[in-house]
Amino acid sequence: KNLLKEFLLCCDLVKFARYSPPADEINSVLDSAKHFISQTK
């Protein structure tokens, strides 16, 4: 639940609040998504 909360709120910051994430954070988005799926599948 904590992994999911952190991931979705991070996405909302970019989608709705015009937050500009650093390059390393952008590159880690798919890894974070895959990690969440691997932990819950």
PDB file of all heavy atoms in Angstrom:
ATOM      1  N   LYS A   1       0.836  -1.209   0.000  1.00  0.00           N
ATOM      2  CA  LYS A   1       0.000   0.000   0.000  1.00  0.00           C
ATOM      3  C   LYS A   1       0.864   1.249   0.000  1.00  0.00           C
ATOM      4  O   LYS A   1       0.569   2.237  -0.681  1.00  0.00           O
ATOM      5  CB  LYS A   1      -0.930  -0.005   1.217  1.00  0.00           C
ATOM      6  CG  LYS A   1      -1.994  -1.094   1.173  1.00  0.00           C
ATOM      7  CD  LYS A   1      -2.787  -1.126   2.476  1.00  0.00           C
ATOM      8  CE  LYS A   1      -3.794  -2.279   2.466  1.00  0.00           C
ATOM      9  NZ  LYS A   1      -4.537  -2.392   3.741  1.00  0.00           N
ATOM     10  N   ASN A   2       1.966   1.220   0.756  1.00  0.00           N
ATOM     11  CA  ASN A   2       2.868   2.379   0.792  1.00  0.00           C
ATOM     12  C   ASN A   2       3.566   2.579  -0.547  1.00  0.00           C
ATOM     13  O   ASN A   2       3.748   3.712  -1.011  1.00  0.00           O
ATOM     14  CB  ASN A   2       3.896   2.207   1.904  1.00  0.00           C
ATOM     15  CG  ASN A   2       3.276   2.332   3.290  1.00  0.00           C
ATOM     16  OD1 ASN A   2       2.275   3.017   3.460  1.00  0.00           O
ATOM     17  ND2 ASN A   2       3.850   1.675   4.281  1.00  0.00           N
ATOM     18  N   LEU A   3       3.977   1.480  -1.197  1.00  0.00           N
ATOM     19  CA  LEU A   3       4.588   1.577  -2.525  1.00  0.00           C
ATOM     20  C   LEU A   3       3.605   2.193  -3.524  1.00  0.00           C
ATOM     21  O   LEU A   3       3.970   3.059  -4.333  1.00  0.00           O
ATOM     22  CB  LEU A   3       5.019   0.186  -3.013  1.00  0.00           C
ATOM     23  CG  LEU A   3       6.277  -0.423  -2.403  1.00  0.00           C
ATOM     24  CD1 LEU A   3       6.462  -1.856  -2.885  1.00  0.00           C
ATOM     25  CD2 LEU A   3       7.504   0.413  -2.770  1.00  0.00           C
ATOM     26  N   LEU A   4       2.356   1.736  -3.464  1.00  0.00           N
ATOM     27  CA  LEU A   4       1.331   2.233  -4.381  1.00  0.00           C
ATOM     28  C   LEU A   4       1.049   3.708  -4.140  1.00  0.00           C
ATOM     29  O   LEU A   4       0.965   4.514  -5.083  1.00  0.00           O
ATOM     30  CB  LEU A   4       0.045   1.425  -4.201  1.00  0.00           C
ATOM     31  CG  LEU A   4      -1.160   1.879  -5.027  1.00  0.00           C
ATOM     32  CD1 LEU A   4      -0.866   1.734  -6.519  1.00  0.00           C
ATOM     33  CD2 LEU A   4      -2.397   1.078  -4.643  1.00  0.00           C
ATOM     34  N   LYS A   5       0.920   4.098  -2.869  1.00  0.00           N
ATOM     35  CA  LYS A   5       0.654   5.499  -2.525  1.00  0.00           C
ATOM     36  C   LYS A   5       1.763   6.399  -3.059  1.00  0.00           C
ATOM     37  O   LYS A   5       1.511   7.431  -3.690  1.00  0.00           O
ATOM     38  CB  LYS A   5       0.533   5.637  -1.013  1.00  0.00           C
ATOM     39  CG  LYS A   5       0.452   7.078  -0.512  1.00  0.00           C
ATOM     40  CD  LYS A   5       0.527   7.117   1.003  1.00  0.00           C
ATOM     41  CE  LYS A   5       0.644   8.553   1.486  1.00  0.00           C
ATOM     42  NZ  LYS A   5       0.829   8.633   2.950  1.00  0.00           N
ATOM     43  N   GLU A   6       3.018   6.005  -2.826  1.00  0.00           N
ATOM     44  CA  GLU A   6       4.155   6.819  -3.264  1.00  0.00           C
ATOM     45  C   GLU A   6       4.172   6.942  -4.790  1.00  0.00           C
ATOM     46  O   GLU A   6       4.404   8.023  -5.338  1.00  0.00           O
ATOM     47  CB  GLU A   6       5.448   6.177  -2.765  1.00  0.00           C
ATOM     48  CG  GLU A   6       6.699   6.964  -3.128  1.00  0.00           C
ATOM     49  CD  GLU A   6       7.957   6.311  -2.590  1.00  0.00           C
ATOM     50  OE1 GLU A   6       7.850   5.383  -1.750  1.00  0.00           O
ATOM     51  OE2 GLU A   6       9.046   6.720  -3.006  1.00  0.00           O
ATOM     52  N   PHE A   7       3.894   5.831  -5.487  1.00  0.00           N
ATOM     53  CA  PHE A   7       3.937   5.841  -6.950  1.00  0.00           C
ATOM     54  C   PHE A   7       2.831   6.724  -7.532  1.00  0.00           C
ATOM     55  O   PHE A   7       3.091   7.573  -8.405  1.00  0.00           O
ATOM     56  CB  PHE A   7       3.795   4.414  -7.481  1.00  0.00           C
ATOM     57  CG  PHE A   7       3.800   4.313  -8.983  1.00  0.00           C
ATOM     58  CD1 PHE A   7       4.985   4.328  -9.693  1.00  0.00           C
ATOM     59  CD2 PHE A   7       2.611   4.233  -9.687  1.00  0.00           C
ATOM     60  CE1 PHE A   7       4.997   4.250 -11.070  1.00  0.00           C
ATOM     61  CE2 PHE A   7       2.609   4.157 -11.063  1.00  0.00           C
ATOM     62  CZ  PHE A   7       3.814   4.168 -11.762  1.00  0.00           C
ATOM     63  N   LEU A   8       1.578   6.568  -7.075  1.00  0.00           N
ATOM     64  CA  LEU A   8       0.461   7.319  -7.648  1.00  0.00           C
ATOM     65  C   LEU A   8       0.552   8.809  -7.341  1.00  0.00           C
ATOM     66  O   LEU A   8       0.262   9.652  -8.200  1.00  0.00           O
ATOM     67  CB  LEU A   8      -0.869   6.755  -7.131  1.00  0.00           C
ATOM     68  CG  LEU A   8      -1.225   5.341  -7.609  1.00  0.00           C
ATOM     69  CD1 LEU A   8      -2.562   4.905  -7.014  1.00  0.00           C
ATOM     70  CD2 LEU A   8      -1.269   5.262  -9.127  1.00  0.00           C
ATOM     71  N   LEU A   9       0.955   9.168  -6.109  1.00  0.00           N
ATOM     72  CA  LEU A   9       1.073  10.590  -5.771  1.00  0.00           C
ATOM     73  C   LEU A   9       2.201  11.243  -6.564  1.00  0.00           C
ATOM     74  O   LEU A   9       2.104  12.405  -6.953  1.00  0.00           O
ATOM     75  CB  LEU A   9       1.304  10.765  -4.269  1.00  0.00           C
ATOM     76  CG  LEU A   9       0.083  10.463  -3.383  1.00  0.00           C
ATOM     77  CD1 LEU A   9       0.434  10.651  -1.916  1.00  0.00           C
ATOM     78  CD2 LEU A   9      -1.103  11.341  -3.756  1.00  0.00           C
ATOM     79  N   CYS A  10       3.282  10.494  -6.813  1.00  0.00           N
ATOM     80  CA  CYS A  10       4.378  11.018  -7.647  1.00  0.00           C
ATOM     81  C   CYS A  10       3.873  11.298  -9.060  1.00  0.00           C
ATOM     82  O   CYS A  10       4.187  12.337  -9.651  1.00  0.00           O
ATOM     83  CB  CYS A  10       5.526  10.017  -7.665  1.00  0.00           C
ATOM     84  SG  CYS A  10       6.917  10.516  -8.695  1.00  0.00           S
ATOM     85  N   CYS A  11       3.072  10.384  -9.604  1.00  0.00           N
ATOM     86  CA  CYS A  11       2.501  10.589 -10.947  1.00  0.00           C
ATOM     87  C   CYS A  11       1.561  11.793 -10.961  1.00  0.00           C
ATOM     88  O   CYS A  11       1.566  12.588 -11.907  1.00  0.00           O
ATOM     89  CB  CYS A  11       1.755   9.334 -11.409  1.00  0.00           C
ATOM     90  SG  CYS A  11       2.833   7.926 -11.782  1.00  0.00           S
ATOM     91  N   ASP A  12       0.753  11.956  -9.906  1.00  0.00           N
ATOM     92  CA  ASP A  12      -0.188  13.081  -9.843  1.00  0.00           C
ATOM     93  C   ASP A  12       0.522  14.419  -9.783  1.00  0.00           C
ATOM     94  O   ASP A  12       0.040  15.422 -10.311  1.00  0.00           O
ATOM     95  CB  ASP A  12      -1.114  12.924  -8.630  1.00  0.00           C
ATOM     96  CG  ASP A  12      -2.249  11.949  -8.895  1.00  0.00           C
ATOM     97  OD1 ASP A  12      -2.333  11.458 -10.039  1.00  0.00           O
ATOM     98  OD2 ASP A  12      -3.043  11.681  -7.984  1.00  0.00           O
ATOM     99  N   LEU A  13       1.669  14.463  -9.112  1.00  0.00           N
ATOM    100  CA  LEU A  13       2.430  15.713  -9.047  1.00  0.00           C
ATOM    101  C   LEU A  13       2.800  16.196 -10.447  1.00  0.00           C
ATOM    102  O   LEU A  13       2.740  17.385 -10.749  1.00  0.00           O
ATOM    103  CB  LEU A  13       3.703  15.513  -8.214  1.00  0.00           C
ATOM    104  CG  LEU A  13       3.530  15.495  -6.697  1.00  0.00           C
ATOM    105  CD1 LEU A  13       4.852  15.170  -6.025  1.00  0.00           C
ATOM    106  CD2 LEU A  13       3.024  16.840  -6.195  1.00  0.00           C
ATOM    107  N   VAL A  14       3.200  15.251 -11.301  1.00  0.00           N
ATOM    108  CA  VAL A  14       3.586  15.624 -12.669  1.00  0.00           C
ATOM    109  C   VAL A  14       2.355  15.925 -13.508  1.00  0.00           C
ATOM    110  O   VAL A  14       2.337  16.870 -14.293  1.00  0.00           O
ATOM    111  CB  VAL A  14       4.409  14.490 -13.317  1.00  0.00           C
ATOM    112  CG1 VAL A  14       4.775  14.842 -14.755  1.00  0.00           C
ATOM    113  CG2 VAL A  14       5.674  14.232 -12.504  1.00  0.00           C
ATOM    114  N   LYS A  15       1.267  15.145 -13.337  1.00  0.00           N
ATOM    115  CA  LYS A  15       0.079  15.293 -14.172  1.00  0.00           C
ATOM    116  C   LYS A  15      -0.703  16.567 -13.861  1.00  0.00           C
ATOM    117  O   LYS A  15      -1.196  17.239 -14.761  1.00  0.00           O
ATOM    118  CB  LYS A  15      -0.846  14.081 -13.984  1.00  0.00           C
ATOM    119  CG  LYS A  15      -0.308  12.800 -14.592  1.00  0.00           C
ATOM    120  CD  LYS A  15      -0.968  11.552 -14.006  1.00  0.00           C
ATOM    121  CE  LYS A  15      -2.462  11.555 -14.128  1.00  0.00           C
ATOM    122  NZ  LYS A  15      -3.060  10.335 -13.547  1.00  0.00           N
ATOM    123  N   PHE A  16      -0.816  16.921 -12.563  1.00  0.00           N
ATOM    124  CA  PHE A  16      -1.716  17.998 -12.180  1.00  0.00           C
ATOM    125  C   PHE A  16      -1.030  19.224 -11.594  1.00  0.00           C
ATOM    126  O   PHE A  16      -1.565  20.315 -11.655  1.00  0.00           O
ATOM    127  CB  PHE A  16      -2.748  17.483 -11.160  1.00  0.00           C
ATOM    128  CG  PHE A  16      -3.551  16.328 -11.657  1.00  0.00           C
ATOM    129  CD1 PHE A  16      -3.468  15.089 -11.048  1.00  0.00           C
ATOM    130  CD2 PHE A  16      -4.396  16.462 -12.750  1.00  0.00           C
ATOM    131  CE1 PHE A  16      -4.200  14.004 -11.506  1.00  0.00           C
ATOM    132  CE2 PHE A  16      -5.144  15.395 -13.214  1.00  0.00           C
ATOM    133  CZ  PHE A  16      -5.040  14.164 -12.596  1.00  0.00           C
ATOM    134  N   ALA A  17       0.137  19.067 -10.990  1.00  0.00           N
ATOM    135  CA  ALA A  17       0.779  20.187 -10.302  1.00  0.00           C
ATOM    136  C   ALA A  17       1.966  20.753 -11.072  1.00  0.00           C
ATOM    137  O   ALA A  17       2.696  21.589 -10.563  1.00  0.00           O
ATOM    138  CB  ALA A  17       1.230  19.753  -8.911  1.00  0.00           C
ATOM    139  N   ARG A  18       2.171  20.283 -12.314  1.00  0.00           N
ATOM    140  CA  ARG A  18       3.264  20.785 -13.153  1.00  0.00           C
ATOM    141  C   ARG A  18       4.626  20.631 -12.493  1.00  0.00           C
ATOM    142  O   ARG A  18       5.499  21.464 -12.625  1.00  0.00           O
ATOM    143  CB  ARG A  18       3.029  22.248 -13.531  1.00  0.00           C
ATOM    144  CG  ARG A  18       1.778  22.430 -14.378  1.00  0.00           C
ATOM    145  CD  ARG A  18       1.795  23.742 -15.081  1.00  0.00           C
ATOM    146  NE  ARG A  18       0.783  23.796 -16.126  1.00  0.00           N
ATOM    147  CZ  ARG A  18       0.689  24.764 -17.024  1.00  0.00           C
ATOM    148  NH1 ARG A  18       1.552  25.740 -17.007  1.00  0.00           N
ATOM    149  NH2 ARG A  18      -0.254  24.755 -17.934  1.00  0.00           N
ATOM    150  N   TYR A  19       4.791  19.542 -11.731  1.00  0.00           N
ATOM    151  CA  TYR A  19       6.072  19.249 -11.109  1.00  0.00           C
ATOM    152  C   TYR A  19       7.035  18.726 -12.167  1.00  0.00           C
ATOM    153  O   TYR A  19       6.678  17.904 -13.003  1.00  0.00           O
ATOM    154  CB  TYR A  19       5.860  18.214 -10.007  1.00  0.00           C
ATOM    155  CG  TYR A  19       7.119  17.602  -9.442  1.00  0.00           C
ATOM    156  CD1 TYR A  19       8.054  18.395  -8.770  1.00  0.00           C
ATOM    157  CD2 TYR A  19       7.367  16.230  -9.563  1.00  0.00           C
ATOM    158  CE1 TYR A  19       9.202  17.831  -8.248  1.00  0.00           C
ATOM    159  CE2 TYR A  19       8.506  15.668  -9.027  1.00  0.00           C
ATOM    160  CZ  TYR A  19       9.426  16.468  -8.378  1.00  0.00           C
ATOM    161  OH  TYR A  19      10.567  15.916  -7.857  1.00  0.00           O
ATOM    162  N   SER A  20       8.259  19.219 -12.178  1.00  0.00           N
ATOM    163  CA  SER A  20       9.279  18.791 -13.139  1.00  0.00           C
ATOM    164  C   SER A  20      10.287  17.904 -12.423  1.00  0.00           C
ATOM    165  O   SER A  20      11.181  18.414 -11.731  1.00  0.00           O
ATOM    166  CB  SER A  20       9.980  20.007 -13.758  1.00  0.00           C
ATOM    167  OG  SER A  20       9.067  20.807 -14.465  1.00  0.00           O
ATOM    168  N   PRO A  21      10.154  16.574 -12.542  1.00  0.00           N
ATOM    169  CA  PRO A  21      11.050  15.671 -11.815  1.00  0.00           C
ATOM    170  C   PRO A  21      12.444  15.658 -12.429  1.00  0.00           C
ATOM    171  O   PRO A  21      12.602  15.907 -13.630  1.00  0.00           O
ATOM    172  CB  PRO A  21      10.366  14.308 -11.970  1.00  0.00           C
ATOM    173  CG  PRO A  21       9.591  14.426 -13.238  1.00  0.00           C
ATOM    174  CD  PRO A  21       9.156  15.860 -13.340  1.00  0.00           C
ATOM    175  N   PRO A  22      13.488  15.345 -11.617  1.00  0.00           N
ATOM    176  CA  PRO A  22      14.844  15.216 -12.174  1.00  0.00           C
ATOM    177  C   PRO A  22      14.952  13.992 -13.067  1.00  0.00           C
ATOM    178  O   PRO A  22      14.103  13.101 -13.034  1.00  0.00           O
ATOM    179  CB  PRO A  22      15.714  15.084 -10.915  1.00  0.00           C
ATOM    180  CG  PRO A  22      14.787  14.590  -9.852  1.00  0.00           C
ATOM    181  CD  PRO A  22      13.445  15.161 -10.165  1.00  0.00           C
ATOM    182  N   ALA A  23      16.034  13.934 -13.853  1.00  0.00           N
ATOM    183  CA  ALA A  23      16.195  12.871 -14.856  1.00  0.00           C
ATOM    184  C   ALA A  23      16.222  11.493 -14.222  1.00  0.00           C
ATOM    185  O   ALA A  23      15.620  10.540 -14.743  1.00  0.00           O
ATOM    186  CB  ALA A  23      17.473  13.118 -15.663  1.00  0.00           C
ATOM    187  N   ASP A  24      16.940  11.337 -13.073  1.00  0.00           N
ATOM    188  CA  ASP A  24      17.023  10.011 -12.465  1.00  0.00           C
ATOM    189  C   ASP A  24      15.669   9.527 -11.962  1.00  0.00           C
ATOM    190  O   ASP A  24      15.366   8.330 -12.005  1.00  0.00           O
ATOM    191  CB  ASP A  24      18.048  10.007 -11.325  1.00  0.00           C
ATOM    192  CG  ASP A  24      17.708  11.048 -10.252  1.00  0.00           C
ATOM    193  OD1 ASP A  24      16.931  11.975 -10.549  1.00  0.00           O
ATOM    194  OD2 ASP A  24      18.225  10.931  -9.127  1.00  0.00           O
ATOM    195  N   GLU A  25      14.812  10.468 -11.523  1.00  0.00           N
ATOM    196  CA  GLU A  25      13.467  10.096 -11.073  1.00  0.00           C
ATOM    197  C   GLU A  25      12.610   9.669 -12.259  1.00  0.00           C
ATOM    198  O   GLU A  25      11.829   8.718 -12.158  1.00  0.00           O
ATOM    199  CB  GLU A  25      12.830  11.278 -10.344  1.00  0.00           C
ATOM    200  CG  GLU A  25      11.494  10.946  -9.708  1.00  0.00           C
ATOM    201  CD  GLU A  25      10.934  12.098  -8.897  1.00  0.00           C
ATOM    202  OE1 GLU A  25      11.730  12.745  -8.181  1.00  0.00           O
ATOM    203  OE2 GLU A  25       9.721  12.354  -8.990  1.00  0.00           O
ATOM    204  N   ILE A  26      12.744  10.368 -13.389  1.00  0.00           N
ATOM    205  CA  ILE A  26      11.989  10.004 -14.592  1.00  0.00           C
ATOM    206  C   ILE A  26      12.373   8.605 -15.051  1.00  0.00           C
ATOM    207  O   ILE A  26      11.522   7.771 -15.385  1.00  0.00           O
ATOM    208  CB  ILE A  26      12.232  11.030 -15.716  1.00  0.00           C
ATOM    209  CG1 ILE A  26      11.690  12.407 -15.304  1.00  0.00           C
ATOM    210  CG2 ILE A  26      11.594  10.564 -17.022  1.00  0.00           C
ATOM    211  CD1 ILE A  26      12.016  13.507 -16.274  1.00  0.00           C
ATOM    212  N   ASN A  27      13.685   8.335 -15.070  1.00  0.00           N
ATOM    213  CA  ASN A  27      14.168   7.044 -15.568  1.00  0.00           C
ATOM    214  C   ASN A  27      13.782   5.887 -14.657  1.00  0.00           C
ATOM    215  O   ASN A  27      13.804   4.726 -15.085  1.00  0.00           O
ATOM    216  CB  ASN A  27      15.691   7.091 -15.720  1.00  0.00           C
ATOM    217  CG  ASN A  27      16.127   8.069 -16.811  1.00  0.00           C
ATOM    218  OD1 ASN A  27      15.405   8.270 -17.789  1.00  0.00           O
ATOM    219  ND2 ASN A  27      17.284   8.682 -16.646  1.00  0.00           N
ATOM    220  N   SER A  28      13.430   6.182 -13.403  1.00  0.00           N
ATOM    221  CA  SER A  28      13.109   5.105 -12.464  1.00  0.00           C
ATOM    222  C   SER A  28      11.614   4.793 -12.400  1.00  0.00           C
ATOM    223  O   SER A  28      11.201   3.909 -11.652  1.00  0.00           O
ATOM    224  CB  SER A  28      13.609   5.475 -11.062  1.00  0.00           C
ATOM    225  OG  SER A  28      12.883   6.585 -10.552  1.00  0.00           O
ATOM    226  N   VAL A  29      10.786   5.519 -13.170  1.00  0.00           N
ATOM    227  CA  VAL A  29       9.332   5.322 -13.088  1.00  0.00           C
ATOM    228  C   VAL A  29       8.938   3.905 -13.485  1.00  0.00           C
ATOM    229  O   VAL A  29       8.195   3.220 -12.777  1.00  0.00           O
ATOM    230  CB  VAL A  29       8.600   6.349 -13.973  1.00  0.00           C
ATOM    231  CG1 VAL A  29       7.129   5.978 -14.106  1.00  0.00           C
ATOM    232  CG2 VAL A  29       8.710   7.727 -13.377  1.00  0.00           C
ATOM    233  N   LEU A  30       9.427   3.440 -14.632  1.00  0.00           N
ATOM    234  CA  LEU A  30       9.045   2.100 -15.089  1.00  0.00           C
ATOM    235  C   LEU A  30       9.587   1.031 -14.151  1.00  0.00           C
ATOM    236  O   LEU A  30       8.922   0.017 -13.906  1.00  0.00           O
ATOM    237  CB  LEU A  30       9.550   1.876 -16.513  1.00  0.00           C
ATOM    238  CG  LEU A  30       8.936   2.770 -17.602  1.00  0.00           C
ATOM    239  CD1 LEU A  30       9.400   2.326 -18.978  1.00  0.00           C
ATOM    240  CD2 LEU A  30       7.417   2.742 -17.534  1.00  0.00           C
ATOM    241  N   ASP A  31      10.803   1.245 -13.607  1.00  0.00           N
ATOM    242  CA  ASP A  31      11.359   0.276 -12.657  1.00  0.00           C
ATOM    243  C   ASP A  31      10.487   0.203 -11.406  1.00  0.00           C
ATOM    244  O   ASP A  31      10.258  -0.881 -10.856  1.00  0.00           O
ATOM    245  CB  ASP A  31      12.787   0.671 -12.274  1.00  0.00           C
ATOM    246  CG  ASP A  31      13.761   0.517 -13.442  1.00  0.00           C
ATOM    247  OD1 ASP A  31      13.457  -0.291 -14.342  1.00  0.00           O
ATOM    248  OD2 ASP A  31      14.801   1.197 -13.451  1.00  0.00           O
ATOM    249  N   SER A  32       9.992   1.377 -10.946  1.00  0.00           N
ATOM    250  CA  SER A  32       9.121   1.389  -9.767  1.00  0.00           C
ATOM    251  C   SER A  32       7.821   0.643 -10.044  1.00  0.00           C
ATOM    252  O   SER A  32       7.321  -0.107  -9.191  1.00  0.00           O
ATOM    253  CB  SER A  32       8.807   2.836  -9.360  1.00  0.00           C
ATOM    254  OG  SER A  32       9.979   3.525  -9.003  1.00  0.00           O
ATOM    255  N   ALA A  33       7.259   0.848 -11.246  1.00  0.00           N
ATOM    256  CA  ALA A  33       6.019   0.161 -11.614  1.00  0.00           C
ATOM    257  C   ALA A  33       6.227  -1.354 -11.673  1.00  0.00           C
ATOM    258  O   ALA A  33       5.421  -2.134 -11.163  1.00  0.00           O
ATOM    259  CB  ALA A  33       5.512   0.688 -12.954  1.00  0.00           C
ATOM    260  N   LYS A  34       7.347  -1.788 -12.304  1.00  0.00           N
ATOM    261  CA  LYS A  34       7.629  -3.219 -12.411  1.00  0.00           C
ATOM    262  C   LYS A  34       7.895  -3.837 -11.035  1.00  0.00           C
ATOM    263  O   LYS A  34       7.502  -4.977 -10.763  1.00  0.00           O
ATOM    264  CB  LYS A  34       8.827  -3.439 -13.332  1.00  0.00           C
ATOM    265  CG  LYS A  34       8.527  -3.133 -14.794  1.00  0.00           C
ATOM    266  CD  LYS A  34       9.771  -3.316 -15.655  1.00  0.00           C
ATOM    267  CE  LYS A  34       9.469  -2.996 -17.126  1.00  0.00           C
ATOM    268  NZ  LYS A  34      10.685  -3.117 -17.979  1.00  0.00           N
ATOM    269  N   HIS A  35       8.560  -3.072 -10.176  1.00  0.00           N
ATOM    270  CA  HIS A  35       8.837  -3.574  -8.823  1.00  0.00           C
ATOM    271  C   HIS A  35       7.526  -3.792  -8.063  1.00  0.00           C
ATOM    272  O   HIS A  35       7.359  -4.814  -7.380  1.00  0.00           O
ATOM    273  CB  HIS A  35       9.718  -2.571  -8.077  1.00  0.00           C
ATOM    274  CG  HIS A  35       9.991  -2.954  -6.652  1.00  0.00           C
ATOM    275  ND1 HIS A  35      10.726  -4.067  -6.304  1.00  0.00           N
ATOM    276  CD2 HIS A  35       9.604  -2.360  -5.480  1.00  0.00           C
ATOM    277  CE1 HIS A  35      10.779  -4.157  -4.974  1.00  0.00           C
ATOM    278  NE2 HIS A  35      10.110  -3.133  -4.459  1.00  0.00           N
ATOM    279  N   PHE A  36       6.586  -2.840  -8.189  1.00  0.00           N
ATOM    280  CA  PHE A  36       5.300  -2.989  -7.514  1.00  0.00           C
ATOM    281  C   PHE A  36       4.553  -4.220  -8.036  1.00  0.00           C
ATOM    282  O   PHE A  36       3.983  -4.991  -7.255  1.00  0.00           O
ATOM    283  CB  PHE A  36       4.451  -1.744  -7.719  1.00  0.00           C
ATOM    284  CG  PHE A  36       3.064  -1.848  -7.163  1.00  0.00           C
ATOM    285  CD1 PHE A  36       2.830  -1.766  -5.803  1.00  0.00           C
ATOM    286  CD2 PHE A  36       1.978  -2.065  -8.015  1.00  0.00           C
ATOM    287  CE1 PHE A  36       1.547  -1.883  -5.291  1.00  0.00           C
ATOM    288  CE2 PHE A  36       0.704  -2.190  -7.508  1.00  0.00           C
ATOM    289  CZ  PHE A  36       0.485  -2.095  -6.137  1.00  0.00           C
ATOM    290  N   ILE A  37       4.578  -4.438  -9.350  1.00  0.00           N
ATOM    291  CA  ILE A  37       3.880  -5.590  -9.930  1.00  0.00           C
ATOM    292  C   ILE A  37       4.515  -6.894  -9.467  1.00  0.00           C
ATOM    293  O   ILE A  37       3.829  -7.856  -9.105  1.00  0.00           O
ATOM    294  CB  ILE A  37       3.885  -5.498 -11.467  1.00  0.00           C
ATOM    295  CG1 ILE A  37       3.054  -4.277 -11.919  1.00  0.00           C
ATOM    296  CG2 ILE A  37       3.334  -6.767 -12.098  1.00  0.00           C
ATOM    297  CD1 ILE A  37       3.172  -3.976 -13.392  1.00  0.00           C
ATOM    298  N   SER A  38       5.857  -6.930  -9.451  1.00  0.00           N
ATOM    299  CA  SER A  38       6.548  -8.156  -9.041  1.00  0.00           C
ATOM    300  C   SER A  38       6.273  -8.499  -7.580  1.00  0.00           C
ATOM    301  O   SER A  38       6.246  -9.668  -7.196  1.00  0.00           O
ATOM    302  CB  SER A  38       8.059  -8.009  -9.267  1.00  0.00           C
ATOM    303  OG  SER A  38       8.614  -7.076  -8.362  1.00  0.00           O
ATOM    304  N   GLN A  39       6.038  -7.449  -6.746  1.00  0.00           N
ATOM    305  CA  GLN A  39       5.761  -7.679  -5.333  1.00  0.00           C
ATOM    306  C   GLN A  39       4.328  -8.134  -5.077  1.00  0.00           C
ATOM    307  O   GLN A  39       4.033  -8.687  -4.020  1.00  0.00           O
ATOM    308  CB  GLN A  39       6.041  -6.384  -4.544  1.00  0.00           C
ATOM    309  CG  GLN A  39       7.492  -5.964  -4.490  1.00  0.00           C
ATOM    310  CD  GLN A  39       8.335  -6.909  -3.647  1.00  0.00           C
ATOM    311  OE1 GLN A  39       7.977  -7.198  -2.515  1.00  0.00           O
ATOM    312  NE2 GLN A  39       9.421  -7.383  -4.199  1.00  0.00           N
ATOM    313  N   THR A  40       3.436  -7.873  -6.015  1.00  0.00           N
ATOM    314  CA  THR A  40       2.006  -8.136  -5.762  1.00  0.00           C
ATOM    315  C   THR A  40       1.389  -9.169  -6.693  1.00  0.00           C
ATOM    316  O   THR A  40       0.244  -9.554  -6.494  1.00  0.00           O
ATOM    317  CB  THR A  40       1.195  -6.827  -5.901  1.00  0.00           C
ATOM    318  OG1 THR A  40       1.410  -6.281  -7.229  1.00  0.00           O
ATOM    319  CG2 THR A  40       1.629  -5.806  -4.875  1.00  0.00           C
ATOM    320  N   LYS A  41       2.122  -9.635  -7.705  1.00  0.00           N
ATOM    321  CA  LYS A  41       1.490 -10.504  -8.707  1.00  0.00           C
ATOM    322  C   LYS A  41       1.104 -11.872  -8.147  1.00  0.00           C
ATOM    323  O   LYS A  41       0.240 -12.545  -8.701  1.00  0.00           O
ATOM    324  CB  LYS A  41       2.411 -10.659  -9.921  1.00  0.00           C
ATOM    325  CG  LYS A  41       3.687 -11.457  -9.649  1.00  0.00           C
ATOM    326  CD  LYS A  41       4.509 -11.589 -10.935  1.00  0.00           C
ATOM    327  CE  LYS A  41       5.735 -12.434 -10.716  1.00  0.00           C
ATOM    328  NZ  LYS A  41       6.526 -12.586 -11.960  1.00  0.00           N
TER     329      LYS A  41
END
